[in-house]
Amino acid sequence: MADEPLPLLPHEERLPPRTDLWIAAGFFVLSAAILVLGWRMPTYADQGGQIYTAPGLVPSFYGVVIGLLSLWLGARALRAGALGPDSADHERPDSGNSNARFALAAGLGVLFIVGLIGRMPFWIAAAIFVTLFVAAFEWRPGLAPKARARGLAIALIEGVLTGIAVTLVFERVFLVRLP
């Protein structure tokens, strides 16, 4: 019984290759749009500004990363046979809880924005949010108490490390004061 693998959670199931290809194409278009809009933003070079102070720099960086990841996803989908004759997408069995999972994610986001930010130091608010998010979405019914405690401990560690890392990056690298 202990050697039996746990069933996959809905977010862990692989999508059909053709679906991945469509998603890759959509994100590639989004990446191109971000890059075009980032390029059109002012650089302030005429005012003596440095290139790293241009407002389009960070969005352009994100556009490049999204573009590279979409190319990677598209290549993986093509290797998996996305364009093959038998690659018609088959519906995944409905887990019956995608709306509930969406509502949970939205509710946790609202809790973070309305209930946590501004009421405590940002790193603690971020740590609580990430801990709750990881714990909620990695929850597996029927797990042994020891395994459940280990999962919650991992969620807590991830939450605290994320809260500290995000705070340090924004305050020390981007020089943004967080609430």
C-alpha atoms as a PDB file:
ATOM      1  CA  MET A   1       0.000   0.000   0.000  1.00  0.00           C
ATOM      2  CA  ALA A   2       2.837   2.442   0.814  1.00  0.00           C
ATOM      3  CA  ASP A   3       4.516   1.827  -2.576  1.00  0.00           C
ATOM      4  CA  GLU A   4       1.334   2.691  -4.460  1.00  0.00           C
ATOM      5  CA  PRO A   5       1.711   6.032  -6.312  1.00  0.00           C
ATOM      6  CA  LEU A   6      -0.708   8.785  -5.448  1.00  0.00           C
ATOM      7  CA  PRO A   7      -3.244   9.734  -8.119  1.00  0.00           C
ATOM      8  CA  LEU A   8      -2.443  12.875 -10.076  1.00  0.00           C
ATOM      9  CA  LEU A   9      -4.166  16.079  -9.099  1.00  0.00           C
ATOM     10  CA  PRO A  10      -6.055  17.841 -11.929  1.00  0.00           C
ATOM     11  CA  HIS A  11      -3.312  20.441 -12.382  1.00  0.00           C
ATOM     12  CA  GLU A  12      -0.687  17.691 -12.663  1.00  0.00           C
ATOM     13  CA  GLU A  13      -2.305  15.905 -15.609  1.00  0.00           C
ATOM     14  CA  ARG A  14      -0.690  16.574 -18.983  1.00  0.00           C
ATOM     15  CA  LEU A  15      -2.745  18.274 -21.633  1.00  0.00           C
ATOM     16  CA  PRO A  16      -2.983  16.828 -25.151  1.00  0.00           C
ATOM     17  CA  PRO A  17      -0.102  17.962 -27.392  1.00  0.00           C
ATOM     18  CA  ARG A  18      -2.346  19.988 -29.712  1.00  0.00           C
ATOM     19  CA  THR A  19      -3.722  21.939 -26.738  1.00  0.00           C
ATOM     20  CA  ASP A  20      -0.154  22.690 -25.647  1.00  0.00           C
ATOM     21  CA  LEU A  21       0.616  23.883 -29.176  1.00  0.00           C
ATOM     22  CA  TRP A  22      -2.361  26.290 -29.172  1.00  0.00           C
ATOM     23  CA  ILE A  23      -1.386  27.582 -25.733  1.00  0.00           C
ATOM     24  CA  ALA A  24       2.194  28.088 -26.929  1.00  0.00           C
ATOM     25  CA  ALA A  25       0.953  30.034 -29.960  1.00  0.00           C
ATOM     26  CA  GLY A  26      -1.242  32.239 -27.772  1.00  0.00           C
ATOM     27  CA  PHE A  27       1.572  33.020 -25.372  1.00  0.00           C
ATOM     28  CA  PHE A  28       3.936  33.717 -28.268  1.00  0.00           C
ATOM     29  CA  VAL A  29       1.489  36.316 -29.621  1.00  0.00           C
ATOM     30  CA  LEU A  30       1.204  37.801 -26.114  1.00  0.00           C
ATOM     31  CA  SER A  31       5.003  37.917 -25.912  1.00  0.00           C
ATOM     32  CA  ALA A  32       5.246  39.727 -29.246  1.00  0.00           C
ATOM     33  CA  ALA A  33       2.616  42.260 -28.126  1.00  0.00           C
ATOM     34  CA  ILE A  34       4.489  42.902 -24.870  1.00  0.00           C
ATOM     35  CA  LEU A  35       7.742  43.422 -26.756  1.00  0.00           C
ATOM     36  CA  VAL A  36       6.156  45.818 -29.262  1.00  0.00           C
ATOM     37  CA  LEU A  37       4.514  47.861 -26.506  1.00  0.00           C
ATOM     38  CA  GLY A  38       7.679  47.821 -24.397  1.00  0.00           C
ATOM     39  CA  TRP A  39       9.716  49.039 -27.387  1.00  0.00           C
ATOM     40  CA  ARG A  40       7.275  51.924 -27.925  1.00  0.00           C
ATOM     41  CA  MET A  41       7.656  53.198 -24.351  1.00  0.00           C
ATOM     42  CA  PRO A  42       9.899  56.237 -23.810  1.00  0.00           C
ATOM     43  CA  THR A  43      13.556  55.640 -22.977  1.00  0.00           C
ATOM     44  CA  TYR A  44      14.296  59.089 -21.539  1.00  0.00           C
ATOM     45  CA  ALA A  45      17.637  59.010 -23.400  1.00  0.00           C
ATOM     46  CA  ASP A  46      16.933  62.570 -24.577  1.00  0.00           C
ATOM     47  CA  GLN A  47      16.796  63.622 -20.912  1.00  0.00           C
ATOM     48  CA  GLY A  48      20.053  61.881 -20.041  1.00  0.00           C
ATOM     49  CA  GLY A  49      18.388  58.817 -18.526  1.00  0.00           C
ATOM     50  CA  GLN A  50      20.174  55.495 -18.262  1.00  0.00           C
ATOM     51  CA  ILE A  51      18.946  52.487 -20.242  1.00  0.00           C
ATOM     52  CA  TYR A  52      18.113  50.567 -17.060  1.00  0.00           C
ATOM     53  CA  THR A  53      15.667  53.301 -16.015  1.00  0.00           C
ATOM     54  CA  ALA A  54      13.541  52.941 -19.157  1.00  0.00           C
ATOM     55  CA  PRO A  55       9.973  51.986 -18.176  1.00  0.00           C
ATOM     56  CA  GLY A  56       9.749  49.394 -20.963  1.00  0.00           C
ATOM     57  CA  LEU A  57      12.747  47.402 -19.744  1.00  0.00           C
ATOM     58  CA  VAL A  58      11.011  45.120 -17.236  1.00  0.00           C
ATOM     59  CA  PRO A  59       7.948  44.398 -19.410  1.00  0.00           C
ATOM     60  CA  SER A  60      10.276  43.662 -22.332  1.00  0.00           C
ATOM     61  CA  PHE A  61      12.248  41.253 -20.170  1.00  0.00           C
ATOM     62  CA  TYR A  62       9.007  39.487 -19.264  1.00  0.00           C
ATOM     63  CA  GLY A  63       8.037  39.431 -22.942  1.00  0.00           C
ATOM     64  CA  VAL A  64      11.318  37.738 -23.854  1.00  0.00           C
ATOM     65  CA  VAL A  65      10.932  35.150 -21.090  1.00  0.00           C
ATOM     66  CA  ILE A  66       7.314  34.424 -22.071  1.00  0.00           C
ATOM     67  CA  GLY A  67       8.375  34.130 -25.712  1.00  0.00           C
ATOM     68  CA  LEU A  68      11.195  31.704 -24.940  1.00  0.00           C
ATOM     69  CA  LEU A  69       8.952  29.570 -22.737  1.00  0.00           C
ATOM     70  CA  SER A  70       6.226  29.525 -25.401  1.00  0.00           C
ATOM     71  CA  LEU A  71       8.769  28.349 -27.980  1.00  0.00           C
ATOM     72  CA  TRP A  72       9.881  25.625 -25.587  1.00  0.00           C
ATOM     73  CA  LEU A  73       6.271  24.530 -24.987  1.00  0.00           C
ATOM     74  CA  GLY A  74       5.580  24.569 -28.730  1.00  0.00           C
ATOM     75  CA  ALA A  75       8.668  22.466 -29.486  1.00  0.00           C
ATOM     76  CA  ARG A  76       7.682  19.973 -26.791  1.00  0.00           C
ATOM     77  CA  ALA A  77       4.162  19.760 -28.233  1.00  0.00           C
ATOM     78  CA  LEU A  78       5.511  19.180 -31.735  1.00  0.00           C
ATOM     79  CA  ARG A  79       7.838  16.426 -30.459  1.00  0.00           C
ATOM     80  CA  ALA A  80       4.816  14.836 -28.764  1.00  0.00           C
ATOM     81  CA  GLY A  81       2.973  14.721 -32.100  1.00  0.00           C
ATOM     82  CA  ALA A  82       0.725  17.795 -31.978  1.00  0.00           C
ATOM     83  CA  LEU A  83       0.480  17.915 -35.768  1.00  0.00           C
ATOM     84  CA  GLY A  84       0.075  14.174 -36.294  1.00  0.00           C
ATOM     85  CA  PRO A  85      -3.102  12.702 -37.824  1.00  0.00           C
ATOM     86  CA  ASP A  86      -4.112  11.035 -34.576  1.00  0.00           C
ATOM     87  CA  SER A  87      -3.482  14.083 -32.427  1.00  0.00           C
ATOM     88  CA  ALA A  88      -7.075  15.237 -32.194  1.00  0.00           C
ATOM     89  CA  ASP A  89      -7.668  16.545 -28.726  1.00  0.00           C
ATOM     90  CA  HIS A  90      -9.641  14.272 -26.514  1.00  0.00           C
ATOM     91  CA  GLU A  91     -11.446  15.761 -23.614  1.00  0.00           C
ATOM     92  CA  ARG A  92      -9.814  15.095 -20.323  1.00  0.00           C
ATOM     93  CA  PRO A  93     -12.133  13.510 -17.834  1.00  0.00           C
ATOM     94  CA  ASP A  94     -13.796  16.332 -15.954  1.00  0.00           C
ATOM     95  CA  SER A  95     -12.497  16.419 -12.440  1.00  0.00           C
ATOM     96  CA  GLY A  96     -15.641  18.274 -11.461  1.00  0.00           C
ATOM     97  CA  ASN A  97     -13.781  20.791  -9.365  1.00  0.00           C
ATOM     98  CA  SER A  98     -12.172  23.267 -11.764  1.00  0.00           C
ATOM     99  CA  ASN A  99     -14.696  25.973 -10.850  1.00  0.00           C
ATOM    100  CA  ALA A 100     -14.137  25.307  -7.165  1.00  0.00           C
ATOM    101  CA  ARG A 101     -10.362  25.489  -7.637  1.00  0.00           C
ATOM    102  CA  PHE A 102     -10.730  28.751  -9.563  1.00  0.00           C
ATOM    103  CA  ALA A 103     -12.935  30.179  -6.808  1.00  0.00           C
ATOM    104  CA  LEU A 104     -10.415  29.087  -4.177  1.00  0.00           C
ATOM    105  CA  ALA A 105      -7.556  30.780  -6.074  1.00  0.00           C
ATOM    106  CA  ALA A 106      -9.604  33.941  -6.520  1.00  0.00           C
ATOM    107  CA  GLY A 107     -10.641  33.913  -2.855  1.00  0.00           C
ATOM    108  CA  LEU A 108      -7.050  33.539  -1.703  1.00  0.00           C
ATOM    109  CA  GLY A 109      -6.054  36.408  -4.001  1.00  0.00           C
ATOM    110  CA  VAL A 110      -8.749  38.644  -2.527  1.00  0.00           C
ATOM    111  CA  LEU A 111      -7.697  37.636   1.001  1.00  0.00           C
ATOM    112  CA  PHE A 112      -4.126  38.625   0.153  1.00  0.00           C
ATOM    113  CA  ILE A 113      -5.065  41.979  -1.377  1.00  0.00           C
ATOM    114  CA  VAL A 114      -7.836  43.033   1.001  1.00  0.00           C
ATOM    115  CA  GLY A 115      -7.089  41.176   4.201  1.00  0.00           C
ATOM    116  CA  LEU A 116      -3.320  40.880   4.477  1.00  0.00           C
ATOM    117  CA  ILE A 117      -1.518  43.636   2.563  1.00  0.00           C
ATOM    118  CA  GLY A 118      -1.230  46.798   4.632  1.00  0.00           C
ATOM    119  CA  ARG A 119      -2.234  45.086   7.856  1.00  0.00           C
ATOM    120  CA  MET A 120       1.147  43.464   8.495  1.00  0.00           C
ATOM    121  CA  PRO A 121       4.652  43.556   7.039  1.00  0.00           C
ATOM    122  CA  PHE A 122       4.589  42.551   3.369  1.00  0.00           C
ATOM    123  CA  TRP A 123       6.880  39.555   3.783  1.00  0.00           C
ATOM    124  CA  ILE A 124       4.548  38.050   6.392  1.00  0.00           C
ATOM    125  CA  ALA A 125       1.475  38.689   4.219  1.00  0.00           C
ATOM    126  CA  ALA A 126       3.223  37.076   1.227  1.00  0.00           C
ATOM    127  CA  ALA A 127       4.372  34.142   3.377  1.00  0.00           C
ATOM    128  CA  ILE A 128       0.822  33.529   4.637  1.00  0.00           C
ATOM    129  CA  PHE A 129      -0.620  33.775   1.118  1.00  0.00           C
ATOM    130  CA  VAL A 130       1.920  31.415  -0.455  1.00  0.00           C
ATOM    131  CA  THR A 131       1.639  28.941   2.419  1.00  0.00           C
ATOM    132  CA  LEU A 132      -2.160  28.827   2.156  1.00  0.00           C
ATOM    133  CA  PHE A 133      -2.051  28.624  -1.642  1.00  0.00           C
ATOM    134  CA  VAL A 134       0.451  25.751  -1.720  1.00  0.00           C
ATOM    135  CA  ALA A 135      -1.282  23.878   1.101  1.00  0.00           C
ATOM    136  CA  ALA A 136      -4.703  24.235  -0.533  1.00  0.00           C
ATOM    137  CA  PHE A 137      -3.636  23.178  -4.017  1.00  0.00           C
ATOM    138  CA  GLU A 138      -1.373  20.332  -2.920  1.00  0.00           C
ATOM    139  CA  TRP A 139      -3.970  18.890  -0.529  1.00  0.00           C
ATOM    140  CA  ARG A 140      -4.601  15.215  -1.215  1.00  0.00           C
ATOM    141  CA  PRO A 141      -7.538  13.482   0.428  1.00  0.00           C
ATOM    142  CA  GLY A 142      -6.711  10.296   2.301  1.00  0.00           C
ATOM    143  CA  LEU A 143      -3.080  11.136   2.956  1.00  0.00           C
ATOM    144  CA  ALA A 144      -1.469   9.695   6.071  1.00  0.00           C
ATOM    145  CA  PRO A 145      -1.067  12.206   8.938  1.00  0.00           C
ATOM    146  CA  LYS A 146       2.732  12.079   8.737  1.00  0.00           C
ATOM    147  CA  ALA A 147       2.707  12.771   4.992  1.00  0.00           C
ATOM    148  CA  ARG A 148       0.144  15.547   5.476  1.00  0.00           C
ATOM    149  CA  ALA A 149       2.295  17.178   8.181  1.00  0.00           C
ATOM    150  CA  ARG A 150       5.326  16.962   5.882  1.00  0.00           C
ATOM    151  CA  GLY A 151       3.352  18.610   3.057  1.00  0.00           C
ATOM    152  CA  LEU A 152       2.183  21.413   5.339  1.00  0.00           C
ATOM    153  CA  ALA A 153       5.751  21.934   6.593  1.00  0.00           C
ATOM    154  CA  ILE A 154       6.981  22.198   3.005  1.00  0.00           C
ATOM    155  CA  ALA A 155       4.201  24.701   2.229  1.00  0.00           C
ATOM    156  CA  LEU A 156       5.232  26.771   5.250  1.00  0.00           C
ATOM    157  CA  ILE A 157       8.913  26.737   4.259  1.00  0.00           C
ATOM    158  CA  GLU A 158       8.039  27.709   0.678  1.00  0.00           C
ATOM    159  CA  GLY A 159       5.792  30.497   1.952  1.00  0.00           C
ATOM    160  CA  VAL A 160       8.372  32.001   4.296  1.00  0.00           C
ATOM    161  CA  LEU A 161      11.195  31.767   1.750  1.00  0.00           C
ATOM    162  CA  THR A 162       9.009  33.297  -0.963  1.00  0.00           C
ATOM    163  CA  GLY A 163       7.879  36.126   1.316  1.00  0.00           C
ATOM    164  CA  ILE A 164      11.472  36.972   2.232  1.00  0.00           C
ATOM    165  CA  ALA A 165      12.792  36.610  -1.327  1.00  0.00           C
ATOM    166  CA  VAL A 166      10.066  38.757  -2.903  1.00  0.00           C
ATOM    167  CA  THR A 167      10.541  41.457  -0.308  1.00  0.00           C
ATOM    168  CA  LEU A 168      14.324  41.515  -0.720  1.00  0.00           C
ATOM    169  CA  VAL A 169      14.167  41.550  -4.518  1.00  0.00           C
ATOM    170  CA  PHE A 170      11.643  44.378  -4.663  1.00  0.00           C
ATOM    171  CA  GLU A 171      13.247  46.491  -1.949  1.00  0.00           C
ATOM    172  CA  ARG A 172      16.936  45.878  -2.716  1.00  0.00           C
ATOM    173  CA  VAL A 173      16.983  45.271  -6.478  1.00  0.00           C
ATOM    174  CA  PHE A 174      14.015  47.261  -7.803  1.00  0.00           C
ATOM    175  CA  LEU A 175      14.144  49.818  -4.952  1.00  0.00           C
ATOM    176  CA  VAL A 176      10.384  49.615  -4.405  1.00  0.00           C
ATOM    177  CA  ARG A 177       9.015  50.205  -0.926  1.00  0.00           C
ATOM    178  CA  LEU A 178       6.462  47.546  -0.098  1.00  0.00           C
ATOM    179  CA  PRO A 179       3.528  48.141   2.230  1.00  0.00           C
END
